[in-house]
Amino acid sequence: MTTMTALLRLPRALAALGLVAAICAGGCGASQQQAAATTSAEPLPESATCPVMKSTFKPDASTTRTTYKSKTYYFCCPGCDKKFAADPESYLGGGEAPAAEGAATP
């Protein structure tokens, strides 16, 4: 390949690189998690409690989620997944699962 041919191909390569950078800057992690949520064979639960906000909600195909210590956690809004990833144990209260709603406590 001559230098001239290489220079002519450079704008196309830079445009492709710019597209990849724009996609990543727009939230690559969120896109990957959303894709995982929509392609997983695991059925969505009827309700979930966000470990960050402690709110109960109905997850749908766009709900972000992560697996930590073999358990799947669903998040009520974008951003909660990033907070959880930074320090999961602080949101899980030392690893203890919260009691189910309506369950009797000893």
PDB file of N, CA and C in Angstrom:
ATOM      1  N   MET A   1       0.856  -1.167   0.000  1.00  0.00           N
ATOM      2  CA  MET A   1       0.000   0.000   0.000  1.00  0.00           C
ATOM      3  C   MET A   1       0.904   1.233   0.000  1.00  0.00           C
ATOM      4  N   THR A   2       0.564   2.150  -0.854  1.00  0.00           N
ATOM      5  CA  THR A   2       1.359   3.369  -0.956  1.00  0.00           C
ATOM      6  C   THR A   2       0.931   4.342   0.136  1.00  0.00           C
ATOM      7  N   THR A   3       1.759   5.321   0.346  1.00  0.00           N
ATOM      8  CA  THR A   3       1.457   6.353   1.335  1.00  0.00           C
ATOM      9  C   THR A   3       0.187   7.108   0.965  1.00  0.00           C
ATOM     10  N   MET A   4      -0.009   7.368  -0.313  1.00  0.00           N
ATOM     11  CA  MET A   4      -1.177   8.096  -0.776  1.00  0.00           C
ATOM     12  C   MET A   4      -2.455   7.292  -0.504  1.00  0.00           C
ATOM     13  N   THR A   5      -2.424   5.988  -0.745  1.00  0.00           N
ATOM     14  CA  THR A   5      -3.590   5.138  -0.489  1.00  0.00           C
ATOM     15  C   THR A   5      -3.906   5.130   1.005  1.00  0.00           C
ATOM     16  N   ALA A   6      -2.872   5.041   1.823  1.00  0.00           N
ATOM     17  CA  ALA A   6      -3.067   5.054   3.267  1.00  0.00           C
ATOM     18  C   ALA A   6      -3.687   6.370   3.718  1.00  0.00           C
ATOM     19  N   LEU A   7      -3.245   7.474   3.162  1.00  0.00           N
ATOM     20  CA  LEU A   7      -3.789   8.777   3.526  1.00  0.00           C
ATOM     21  C   LEU A   7      -5.238   8.930   3.079  1.00  0.00           C
ATOM     22  N   LEU A   8      -5.591   8.335   1.948  1.00  0.00           N
ATOM     23  CA  LEU A   8      -6.969   8.407   1.474  1.00  0.00           C
ATOM     24  C   LEU A   8      -7.909   7.586   2.357  1.00  0.00           C
ATOM     25  N   ARG A   9      -7.425   6.531   2.964  1.00  0.00           N
ATOM     26  CA  ARG A   9      -8.247   5.689   3.837  1.00  0.00           C
ATOM     27  C   ARG A   9      -8.358   6.250   5.253  1.00  0.00           C
ATOM     28  N   LEU A  10      -7.499   7.162   5.597  1.00  0.00           N
ATOM     29  CA  LEU A  10      -7.459   7.710   6.949  1.00  0.00           C
ATOM     30  C   LEU A  10      -8.774   8.360   7.374  1.00  0.00           C
ATOM     31  N   PRO A  11      -9.435   9.190   6.571  1.00  0.00           N
ATOM     32  CA  PRO A  11     -10.707   9.804   7.018  1.00  0.00           C
ATOM     33  C   PRO A  11     -11.777   8.768   7.351  1.00  0.00           C
ATOM     34  N   ARG A  12     -11.861   7.704   6.577  1.00  0.00           N
ATOM     35  CA  ARG A  12     -12.847   6.658   6.834  1.00  0.00           C
ATOM     36  C   ARG A  12     -12.554   5.965   8.174  1.00  0.00           C
ATOM     37  N   ALA A  13     -11.284   5.684   8.413  1.00  0.00           N
ATOM     38  CA  ALA A  13     -10.900   5.038   9.674  1.00  0.00           C
ATOM     39  C   ALA A  13     -11.180   5.955  10.863  1.00  0.00           C
ATOM     40  N   LEU A  14     -10.894   7.237  10.709  1.00  0.00           N
ATOM     41  CA  LEU A  14     -11.158   8.184  11.797  1.00  0.00           C
ATOM     42  C   LEU A  14     -12.651   8.333  12.057  1.00  0.00           C
ATOM     43  N   ALA A  15     -13.451   8.302  11.012  1.00  0.00           N
ATOM     44  CA  ALA A  15     -14.904   8.403  11.180  1.00  0.00           C
ATOM     45  C   ALA A  15     -15.424   7.197  11.956  1.00  0.00           C
ATOM     46  N   ALA A  16     -14.937   6.012  11.635  1.00  0.00           N
ATOM     47  CA  ALA A  16     -15.356   4.807  12.352  1.00  0.00           C
ATOM     48  C   ALA A  16     -14.925   4.879  13.813  1.00  0.00           C
ATOM     49  N   LEU A  17     -13.727   5.343  14.064  1.00  0.00           N
ATOM     50  CA  LEU A  17     -13.233   5.489  15.426  1.00  0.00           C
ATOM     51  C   LEU A  17     -14.072   6.512  16.195  1.00  0.00           C
ATOM     52  N   GLY A  18     -14.451   7.599  15.529  1.00  0.00           N
ATOM     53  CA  GLY A  18     -15.298   8.606  16.170  1.00  0.00           C
ATOM     54  C   GLY A  18     -16.651   8.048  16.540  1.00  0.00           C
ATOM     55  N   LEU A  19     -17.209   7.189  15.700  1.00  0.00           N
ATOM     56  CA  LEU A  19     -18.495   6.564  15.984  1.00  0.00           C
ATOM     57  C   LEU A  19     -18.394   5.669  17.216  1.00  0.00           C
ATOM     58  N   VAL A  20     -17.346   4.895  17.293  1.00  0.00           N
ATOM     59  CA  VAL A  20     -17.143   4.026  18.455  1.00  0.00           C
ATOM     60  C   VAL A  20     -16.988   4.869  19.719  1.00  0.00           C
ATOM     61  N   ALA A  21     -16.230   5.936  19.640  1.00  0.00           N
ATOM     62  CA  ALA A  21     -16.035   6.814  20.799  1.00  0.00           C
ATOM     63  C   ALA A  21     -17.349   7.451  21.233  1.00  0.00           C
ATOM     64  N   ALA A  22     -18.177   7.848  20.279  1.00  0.00           N
ATOM     65  CA  ALA A  22     -19.463   8.470  20.611  1.00  0.00           C
ATOM     66  C   ALA A  22     -20.388   7.470  21.299  1.00  0.00           C
ATOM     67  N   ILE A  23     -20.376   6.248  20.838  1.00  0.00           N
ATOM     68  CA  ILE A  23     -21.212   5.219  21.468  1.00  0.00           C
ATOM     69  C   ILE A  23     -20.754   4.978  22.897  1.00  0.00           C
ATOM     70  N   CYS A  24     -19.461   4.871  23.100  1.00  0.00           N
ATOM     71  CA  CYS A  24     -18.931   4.633  24.445  1.00  0.00           C
ATOM     72  C   CYS A  24     -19.187   5.816  25.366  1.00  0.00           C
ATOM     73  N   ALA A  25     -19.044   7.019  24.873  1.00  0.00           N
ATOM     74  CA  ALA A  25     -19.281   8.204  25.689  1.00  0.00           C
ATOM     75  C   ALA A  25     -20.741   8.320  26.075  1.00  0.00           C
ATOM     76  N   GLY A  26     -21.621   7.762  25.263  1.00  0.00           N
ATOM     77  CA  GLY A  26     -23.052   7.830  25.529  1.00  0.00           C
ATOM     78  C   GLY A  26     -23.530   6.808  26.527  1.00  0.00           C
ATOM     79  N   GLY A  27     -22.650   5.987  27.057  1.00  0.00           N
ATOM     80  CA  GLY A  27     -23.063   5.042  28.078  1.00  0.00           C
ATOM     81  C   GLY A  27     -22.926   3.591  27.668  1.00  0.00           C
ATOM     82  N   CYS A  28     -21.733   3.204  27.299  1.00  0.00           N
ATOM     83  CA  CYS A  28     -21.495   1.820  26.903  1.00  0.00           C
ATOM     84  C   CYS A  28     -21.963   0.851  27.978  1.00  0.00           C
ATOM     85  N   GLY A  29     -21.631   1.125  29.229  1.00  0.00           N
ATOM     86  CA  GLY A  29     -22.011   0.214  30.307  1.00  0.00           C
ATOM     87  C   GLY A  29     -23.509   0.032  30.403  1.00  0.00           C
ATOM     88  N   ALA A  30     -24.262   1.123  30.316  1.00  0.00           N
ATOM     89  CA  ALA A  30     -25.717   1.028  30.395  1.00  0.00           C
ATOM     90  C   ALA A  30     -26.268   0.236  29.226  1.00  0.00           C
ATOM     91  N   SER A  31     -25.701   0.440  28.040  1.00  0.00           N
ATOM     92  CA  SER A  31     -26.176  -0.297  26.873  1.00  0.00           C
ATOM     93  C   SER A  31     -25.921  -1.778  27.040  1.00  0.00           C
ATOM     94  N   GLN A  32     -24.755  -2.129  27.580  1.00  0.00           N
ATOM     95  CA  GLN A  32     -24.430  -3.539  27.769  1.00  0.00           C
ATOM     96  C   GLN A  32     -25.351  -4.162  28.804  1.00  0.00           C
ATOM     97  N   GLN A  33     -25.632  -3.449  29.899  1.00  0.00           N
ATOM     98  CA  GLN A  33     -26.518  -3.998  30.914  1.00  0.00           C
ATOM     99  C   GLN A  33     -27.932  -4.117  30.391  1.00  0.00           C
ATOM    100  N   GLN A  34     -28.372  -3.133  29.628  1.00  0.00           N
ATOM    101  CA  GLN A  34     -29.719  -3.208  29.082  1.00  0.00           C
ATOM    102  C   GLN A  34     -29.803  -4.372  28.111  1.00  0.00           C
ATOM    103  N   ALA A  35     -28.769  -4.572  27.306  1.00  0.00           N
ATOM    104  CA  ALA A  35     -28.778  -5.696  26.369  1.00  0.00           C
ATOM    105  C   ALA A  35     -28.816  -7.004  27.145  1.00  0.00           C
ATOM    106  N   ALA A  36     -28.083  -7.077  28.251  1.00  0.00           N
ATOM    107  CA  ALA A  36     -28.105  -8.294  29.058  1.00  0.00           C
ATOM    108  C   ALA A  36     -29.488  -8.525  29.634  1.00  0.00           C
ATOM    109  N   ALA A  37     -30.156  -7.442  30.016  1.00  0.00           N
ATOM    110  CA  ALA A  37     -31.490  -7.577  30.589  1.00  0.00           C
ATOM    111  C   ALA A  37     -32.496  -8.071  29.561  1.00  0.00           C
ATOM    112  N   THR A  38     -32.327  -7.690  28.316  1.00  0.00           N
ATOM    113  CA  THR A  38     -33.305  -8.074  27.307  1.00  0.00           C
ATOM    114  C   THR A  38     -33.005  -9.412  26.653  1.00  0.00           C
ATOM    115  N   THR A  39     -31.760  -9.893  26.763  1.00  0.00           N
ATOM    116  CA  THR A  39     -31.417 -11.143  26.100  1.00  0.00           C
ATOM    117  C   THR A  39     -31.276 -12.304  27.059  1.00  0.00           C
ATOM    118  N   SER A  40     -31.385 -12.057  28.338  1.00  0.00           N
ATOM    119  CA  SER A  40     -31.226 -13.118  29.315  1.00  0.00           C
ATOM    120  C   SER A  40     -32.416 -14.063  29.295  1.00  0.00           C
ATOM    121  N   ALA A  41     -32.139 -15.349  29.541  1.00  0.00           N
ATOM    122  CA  ALA A  41     -33.210 -16.340  29.593  1.00  0.00           C
ATOM    123  C   ALA A  41     -33.916 -16.291  30.953  1.00  0.00           C
ATOM    124  N   GLU A  42     -33.315 -15.622  31.917  1.00  0.00           N
ATOM    125  CA  GLU A  42     -33.892 -15.519  33.252  1.00  0.00           C
ATOM    126  C   GLU A  42     -35.139 -14.641  33.209  1.00  0.00           C
ATOM    127  N   PRO A  43     -36.274 -15.167  33.682  1.00  0.00           N
ATOM    128  CA  PRO A  43     -37.498 -14.342  33.667  1.00  0.00           C
ATOM    129  C   PRO A  43     -37.400 -13.212  34.686  1.00  0.00           C
ATOM    130  N   LEU A  44     -38.067 -12.112  34.387  1.00  0.00           N
ATOM    131  CA  LEU A  44     -38.078 -10.970  35.302  1.00  0.00           C
ATOM    132  C   LEU A  44     -39.018 -11.257  36.463  1.00  0.00           C
ATOM    133  N   PRO A  45     -38.645 -10.835  37.672  1.00  0.00           N
ATOM    134  CA  PRO A  45     -39.535 -11.024  38.818  1.00  0.00           C
ATOM    135  C   PRO A  45     -40.737 -10.079  38.731  1.00  0.00           C
ATOM    136  N   GLU A  46     -41.797 -10.405  39.445  1.00  0.00           N
ATOM    137  CA  GLU A  46     -42.992  -9.546  39.488  1.00  0.00           C
ATOM    138  C   GLU A  46     -42.668  -8.199  40.131  1.00  0.00           C
ATOM    139  N   SER A  47     -41.796  -8.216  41.144  1.00  0.00           N
ATOM    140  CA  SER A  47     -41.359  -6.971  41.771  1.00  0.00           C
ATOM    141  C   SER A  47     -39.935  -7.154  42.263  1.00  0.00           C
ATOM    142  N   ALA A  48     -39.256  -6.036  42.449  1.00  0.00           N
ATOM    143  CA  ALA A  48     -37.880  -6.047  42.936  1.00  0.00           C
ATOM    144  C   ALA A  48     -37.691  -4.844  43.834  1.00  0.00           C
ATOM    145  N   THR A  49     -36.711  -4.927  44.701  1.00  0.00           N
ATOM    146  CA  THR A  49     -36.362  -3.803  45.558  1.00  0.00           C
ATOM    147  C   THR A  49     -34.968  -3.338  45.181  1.00  0.00           C
ATOM    148  N   CYS A  50     -34.853  -2.077  44.810  1.00  0.00           N
ATOM    149  CA  CYS A  50     -33.560  -1.501  44.450  1.00  0.00           C
ATOM    150  C   CYS A  50     -32.693  -1.473  45.705  1.00  0.00           C
ATOM    151  N   PRO A  51     -31.495  -2.078  45.674  1.00  0.00           N
ATOM    152  CA  PRO A  51     -30.649  -2.090  46.872  1.00  0.00           C
ATOM    153  C   PRO A  51     -30.121  -0.703  47.245  1.00  0.00           C
ATOM    154  N   VAL A  52     -30.141   0.234  46.327  1.00  0.00           N
ATOM    155  CA  VAL A  52     -29.636   1.580  46.604  1.00  0.00           C
ATOM    156  C   VAL A  52     -30.727   2.463  47.198  1.00  0.00           C
ATOM    157  N   MET A  53     -31.870   2.558  46.516  1.00  0.00           N
ATOM    158  CA  MET A  53     -32.949   3.446  46.952  1.00  0.00           C
ATOM    159  C   MET A  53     -33.933   2.762  47.900  1.00  0.00           C
ATOM    160  N   LYS A  54     -33.863   1.452  47.980  1.00  0.00           N
ATOM    161  CA  LYS A  54     -34.763   0.646  48.826  1.00  0.00           C
ATOM    162  C   LYS A  54     -36.218   0.766  48.385  1.00  0.00           C
ATOM    163  N   SER A  55     -36.442   1.150  47.130  1.00  0.00           N
ATOM    164  CA  SER A  55     -37.805   1.267  46.616  1.00  0.00           C
ATOM    165  C   SER A  55     -38.190  -0.022  45.889  1.00  0.00           C
ATOM    166  N   THR A  56     -39.466  -0.368  45.972  1.00  0.00           N
ATOM    167  CA  THR A  56     -39.978  -1.554  45.291  1.00  0.00           C
ATOM    168  C   THR A  56     -40.597  -1.114  43.973  1.00  0.00           C
ATOM    169  N   PHE A  57     -40.320  -1.865  42.914  1.00  0.00           N
ATOM    170  CA  PHE A  57     -40.816  -1.519  41.587  1.00  0.00           C
ATOM    171  C   PHE A  57     -40.972  -2.783  40.756  1.00  0.00           C
ATOM    172  N   LYS A  58     -41.627  -2.659  39.596  1.00  0.00           N
ATOM    173  CA  LYS A  58     -41.805  -3.774  38.673  1.00  0.00           C
ATOM    174  C   LYS A  58     -40.748  -3.664  37.580  1.00  0.00           C
ATOM    175  N   PRO A  59     -39.789  -4.584  37.544  1.00  0.00           N
ATOM    176  CA  PRO A  59     -38.758  -4.532  36.503  1.00  0.00           C
ATOM    177  C   PRO A  59     -39.344  -4.828  35.124  1.00  0.00           C
ATOM    178  N   ASP A  60     -38.768  -4.184  34.097  1.00  0.00           N
ATOM    179  CA  ASP A  60     -39.155  -4.484  32.723  1.00  0.00           C
ATOM    180  C   ASP A  60     -37.879  -4.735  31.915  1.00  0.00           C
ATOM    181  N   ALA A  61     -38.012  -4.875  30.625  1.00  0.00           N
ATOM    182  CA  ALA A  61     -36.872  -5.224  29.772  1.00  0.00           C
ATOM    183  C   ALA A  61     -35.761  -4.172  29.804  1.00  0.00           C
ATOM    184  N   SER A  62     -36.090  -2.918  30.128  1.00  0.00           N
ATOM    185  CA  SER A  62     -35.066  -1.869  30.147  1.00  0.00           C
ATOM    186  C   SER A  62     -34.426  -1.679  31.523  1.00  0.00           C
ATOM    187  N   THR A  63     -34.871  -2.435  32.510  1.00  0.00           N
ATOM    188  CA  THR A  63     -34.341  -2.306  33.868  1.00  0.00           C
ATOM    189  C   THR A  63     -32.890  -2.782  33.915  1.00  0.00           C
ATOM    190  N   THR A  64     -32.018  -1.945  34.497  1.00  0.00           N
ATOM    191  CA  THR A  64     -30.624  -2.367  34.645  1.00  0.00           C
ATOM    192  C   THR A  64     -30.523  -3.332  35.801  1.00  0.00           C
ATOM    193  N   ARG A  65     -29.562  -4.241  35.688  1.00  0.00           N
ATOM    194  CA  ARG A  65     -29.360  -5.231  36.740  1.00  0.00           C
ATOM    195  C   ARG A  65     -27.923  -5.679  36.732  1.00  0.00           C
ATOM    196  N   THR A  66     -27.527  -6.309  37.820  1.00  0.00           N
ATOM    197  CA  THR A  66     -26.186  -6.867  37.926  1.00  0.00           C
ATOM    198  C   THR A  66     -26.253  -8.111  38.797  1.00  0.00           C
ATOM    199  N   THR A  67     -25.244  -8.940  38.678  1.00  0.00           N
ATOM    200  CA  THR A  67     -25.142 -10.120  39.519  1.00  0.00           C
ATOM    201  C   THR A  67     -23.973  -9.912  40.459  1.00  0.00           C
ATOM    202  N   TYR A  68     -24.228 -10.106  41.726  1.00  0.00           N
ATOM    203  CA  TYR A  68     -23.194  -9.956  42.752  1.00  0.00           C
ATOM    204  C   TYR A  68     -23.315 -11.144  43.694  1.00  0.00           C
ATOM    205  N   LYS A  69     -22.229 -11.856  43.878  1.00  0.00           N
ATOM    206  CA  LYS A  69     -22.209 -13.053  44.726  1.00  0.00           C
ATOM    207  C   LYS A  69     -23.346 -14.011  44.358  1.00  0.00           C
ATOM    208  N   SER A  70     -23.471 -14.260  43.073  1.00  0.00           N
ATOM    209  CA  SER A  70     -24.442 -15.206  42.502  1.00  0.00           C
ATOM    210  C   SER A  70     -25.899 -14.804  42.675  1.00  0.00           C
ATOM    211  N   LYS A  71     -26.167 -13.554  43.020  1.00  0.00           N
ATOM    212  CA  LYS A  71     -27.534 -13.081  43.146  1.00  0.00           C
ATOM    213  C   LYS A  71     -27.743 -11.897  42.205  1.00  0.00           C
ATOM    214  N   THR A  72     -28.902 -11.852  41.556  1.00  0.00           N
ATOM    215  CA  THR A  72     -29.216 -10.760  40.641  1.00  0.00           C
ATOM    216  C   THR A  72     -29.915  -9.638  41.391  1.00  0.00           C
ATOM    217  N   TYR A  73     -29.422  -8.421  41.196  1.00  0.00           N
ATOM    218  CA  TYR A  73     -30.007  -7.230  41.798  1.00  0.00           C
ATOM    219  C   TYR A  73     -30.511  -6.328  40.679  1.00  0.00           C
ATOM    220  N   TYR A  74     -31.720  -5.800  40.848  1.00  0.00           N
ATOM    221  CA  TYR A  74     -32.348  -4.913  39.878  1.00  0.00           C
ATOM    222  C   TYR A  74     -32.336  -3.496  40.441  1.00  0.00           C
ATOM    223  N   PHE A  75     -32.205  -2.501  39.542  1.00  0.00           N
ATOM    224  CA  PHE A  75     -32.087  -1.110  39.960  1.00  0.00           C
ATOM    225  C   PHE A  75     -33.240  -0.283  39.409  1.00  0.00           C
ATOM    226  N   CYS A  76     -33.777   0.595  40.257  1.00  0.00           N
ATOM    227  CA  CYS A  76     -34.974   1.370  39.908  1.00  0.00           C
ATOM    228  C   CYS A  76     -34.701   2.447  38.877  1.00  0.00           C
ATOM    229  N   CYS A  77     -33.479   2.929  38.789  1.00  0.00           N
ATOM    230  CA  CYS A  77     -33.190   4.010  37.854  1.00  0.00           C
ATOM    231  C   CYS A  77     -31.720   3.974  37.445  1.00  0.00           C
ATOM    232  N   PRO A  78     -31.398   4.592  36.304  1.00  0.00           N
ATOM    233  CA  PRO A  78     -29.999   4.664  35.890  1.00  0.00           C
ATOM    234  C   PRO A  78     -29.195   5.423  36.937  1.00  0.00           C
ATOM    235  N   GLY A  79     -28.044   4.949  37.218  1.00  0.00           N
ATOM    236  CA  GLY A  79     -27.194   5.576  38.233  1.00  0.00           C
ATOM    237  C   GLY A  79     -27.095   4.729  39.484  1.00  0.00           C
ATOM    238  N   CYS A  80     -28.196   4.079  39.853  1.00  0.00           N
ATOM    239  CA  CYS A  80     -28.154   3.225  41.039  1.00  0.00           C
ATOM    240  C   CYS A  80     -27.189   2.058  40.827  1.00  0.00           C
ATOM    241  N   ASP A  81     -27.129   1.548  39.591  1.00  0.00           N
ATOM    242  CA  ASP A  81     -26.227   0.437  39.314  1.00  0.00           C
ATOM    243  C   ASP A  81     -24.770   0.854  39.495  1.00  0.00           C
ATOM    244  N   LYS A  82     -24.448   2.090  39.143  1.00  0.00           N
ATOM    245  CA  LYS A  82     -23.073   2.566  39.300  1.00  0.00           C
ATOM    246  C   LYS A  82     -22.729   2.772  40.776  1.00  0.00           C
ATOM    247  N   LYS A  83     -23.675   3.295  41.546  1.00  0.00           N
ATOM    248  CA  LYS A  83     -23.450   3.465  42.984  1.00  0.00           C
ATOM    249  C   LYS A  83     -23.247   2.107  43.642  1.00  0.00           C
ATOM    250  N   PHE A  84     -24.080   1.141  43.264  1.00  0.00           N
ATOM    251  CA  PHE A  84     -23.982  -0.207  43.821  1.00  0.00           C
ATOM    252  C   PHE A  84     -22.638  -0.839  43.462  1.00  0.00           C
ATOM    253  N   ALA A  85     -22.221  -0.708  42.211  1.00  0.00           N
ATOM    254  CA  ALA A  85     -20.965  -1.314  41.761  1.00  0.00           C
ATOM    255  C   ALA A  85     -19.765  -0.752  42.515  1.00  0.00           C
ATOM    256  N   ALA A  86     -19.839   0.512  42.916  1.00  0.00           N
ATOM    257  CA  ALA A  86     -18.730   1.139  43.626  1.00  0.00           C
ATOM    258  C   ALA A  86     -18.529   0.555  45.026  1.00  0.00           C
ATOM    259  N   ASP A  87     -19.604   0.135  45.691  1.00  0.00           N
ATOM    260  CA  ASP A  87     -19.495  -0.407  47.048  1.00  0.00           C
ATOM    261  C   ASP A  87     -20.722  -1.252  47.388  1.00  0.00           C
ATOM    262  N   PRO A  88     -20.837  -2.445  46.811  1.00  0.00           N
ATOM    263  CA  PRO A  88     -22.044  -3.258  47.004  1.00  0.00           C
ATOM    264  C   PRO A  88     -22.366  -3.561  48.460  1.00  0.00           C
ATOM    265  N   GLU A  89     -21.372  -3.861  49.251  1.00  0.00           N
ATOM    266  CA  GLU A  89     -21.610  -4.259  50.641  1.00  0.00           C
ATOM    267  C   GLU A  89     -22.270  -3.156  51.464  1.00  0.00           C
ATOM    268  N   SER A  90     -21.994  -1.895  51.131  1.00  0.00           N
ATOM    269  CA  SER A  90     -22.615  -0.809  51.892  1.00  0.00           C
ATOM    270  C   SER A  90     -24.123  -0.755  51.650  1.00  0.00           C
ATOM    271  N   TYR A  91     -24.574  -1.253  50.499  1.00  0.00           N
ATOM    272  CA  TYR A  91     -26.003  -1.255  50.193  1.00  0.00           C
ATOM    273  C   TYR A  91     -26.692  -2.549  50.612  1.00  0.00           C
ATOM    274  N   LEU A  92     -25.891  -3.561  50.900  1.00  0.00           N
ATOM    275  CA  LEU A  92     -26.478  -4.848  51.271  1.00  0.00           C
ATOM    276  C   LEU A  92     -26.467  -5.070  52.774  1.00  0.00           C
ATOM    277  N   GLY A  93     -25.953  -4.147  53.517  1.00  0.00           N
ATOM    278  CA  GLY A  93     -25.958  -4.270  54.974  1.00  0.00           C
ATOM    279  C   GLY A  93     -25.142  -5.458  55.452  1.00  0.00           C
ATOM    280  N   GLY A  94     -23.932  -5.608  54.907  1.00  0.00           N
ATOM    281  CA  GLY A  94     -23.060  -6.683  55.352  1.00  0.00           C
ATOM    282  C   GLY A  94     -23.438  -8.028  54.750  1.00  0.00           C
ATOM    283  N   GLY A  95     -24.202  -8.031  53.680  1.00  0.00           N
ATOM    284  CA  GLY A  95     -24.529  -9.277  53.004  1.00  0.00           C
ATOM    285  C   GLY A  95     -25.836  -9.898  53.430  1.00  0.00           C
ATOM    286  N   GLU A  96     -26.523  -9.311  54.419  1.00  0.00           N
ATOM    287  CA  GLU A  96     -27.797  -9.858  54.848  1.00  0.00           C
ATOM    288  C   GLU A  96     -28.882  -9.425  53.873  1.00  0.00           C
ATOM    289  N   ALA A  97     -29.673 -10.378  53.426  1.00  0.00           N
ATOM    290  CA  ALA A  97     -30.781 -10.049  52.521  1.00  0.00           C
ATOM    291  C   ALA A  97     -31.915  -9.449  53.323  1.00  0.00           C
ATOM    292  N   PRO A  98     -32.592  -8.430  52.797  1.00  0.00           N
ATOM    293  CA  PRO A  98     -33.721  -7.855  53.534  1.00  0.00           C
ATOM    294  C   PRO A  98     -34.873  -8.866  53.605  1.00  0.00           C
ATOM    295  N   ALA A  99     -35.629  -8.796  54.679  1.00  0.00           N
ATOM    296  CA  ALA A  99     -36.768  -9.703  54.840  1.00  0.00           C
ATOM    297  C   ALA A  99     -37.811  -9.409  53.775  1.00  0.00           C
ATOM    298  N   ALA A 100     -38.465 -10.447  53.305  1.00  0.00           N
ATOM    299  CA  ALA A 100     -39.523 -10.267  52.302  1.00  0.00           C
ATOM    300  C   ALA A 100     -40.671  -9.497  52.914  1.00  0.00           C
ATOM    301  N   GLU A 101     -41.373  -8.726  52.098  1.00  0.00           N
ATOM    302  CA  GLU A 101     -42.505  -7.954  52.606  1.00  0.00           C
ATOM    303  C   GLU A 101     -43.563  -8.887  53.157  1.00  0.00           C
ATOM    304  N   GLY A 102     -44.058  -8.588  54.337  1.00  0.00           N
ATOM    305  CA  GLY A 102     -45.101  -9.395  54.958  1.00  0.00           C
ATOM    306  C   GLY A 102     -44.571 -10.621  55.699  1.00  0.00           C
ATOM    307  N   ALA A 103     -43.257 -10.825  55.652  1.00  0.00           N
ATOM    308  CA  ALA A 103     -42.694 -12.004  56.332  1.00  0.00           C
ATOM    309  C   ALA A 103     -42.547 -11.690  57.821  1.00  0.00           C
ATOM    310  N   ALA A 104     -42.793 -12.691  58.619  1.00  0.00           N
ATOM    311  CA  ALA A 104     -42.646 -12.529  60.071  1.00  0.00           C
ATOM    312  C   ALA A 104     -41.162 -12.501  60.410  1.00  0.00           C
ATOM    313  N   THR A 105     -40.776 -11.638  61.349  1.00  0.00           N
ATOM    314  CA  THR A 105     -39.384 -11.575  61.789  1.00  0.00           C
ATOM    315  C   THR A 105     -39.311 -12.094  63.202  1.00  0.00           C
ATOM    316  N   PRO A 106     -38.244 -12.823  63.532  1.00  0.00           N
ATOM    317  CA  PRO A 106     -38.120 -13.412  64.887  1.00  0.00           C
ATOM    318  C   PRO A 106     -37.923 -12.384  65.954  1.00  0.00           C
TER     319      PRO A 106
END
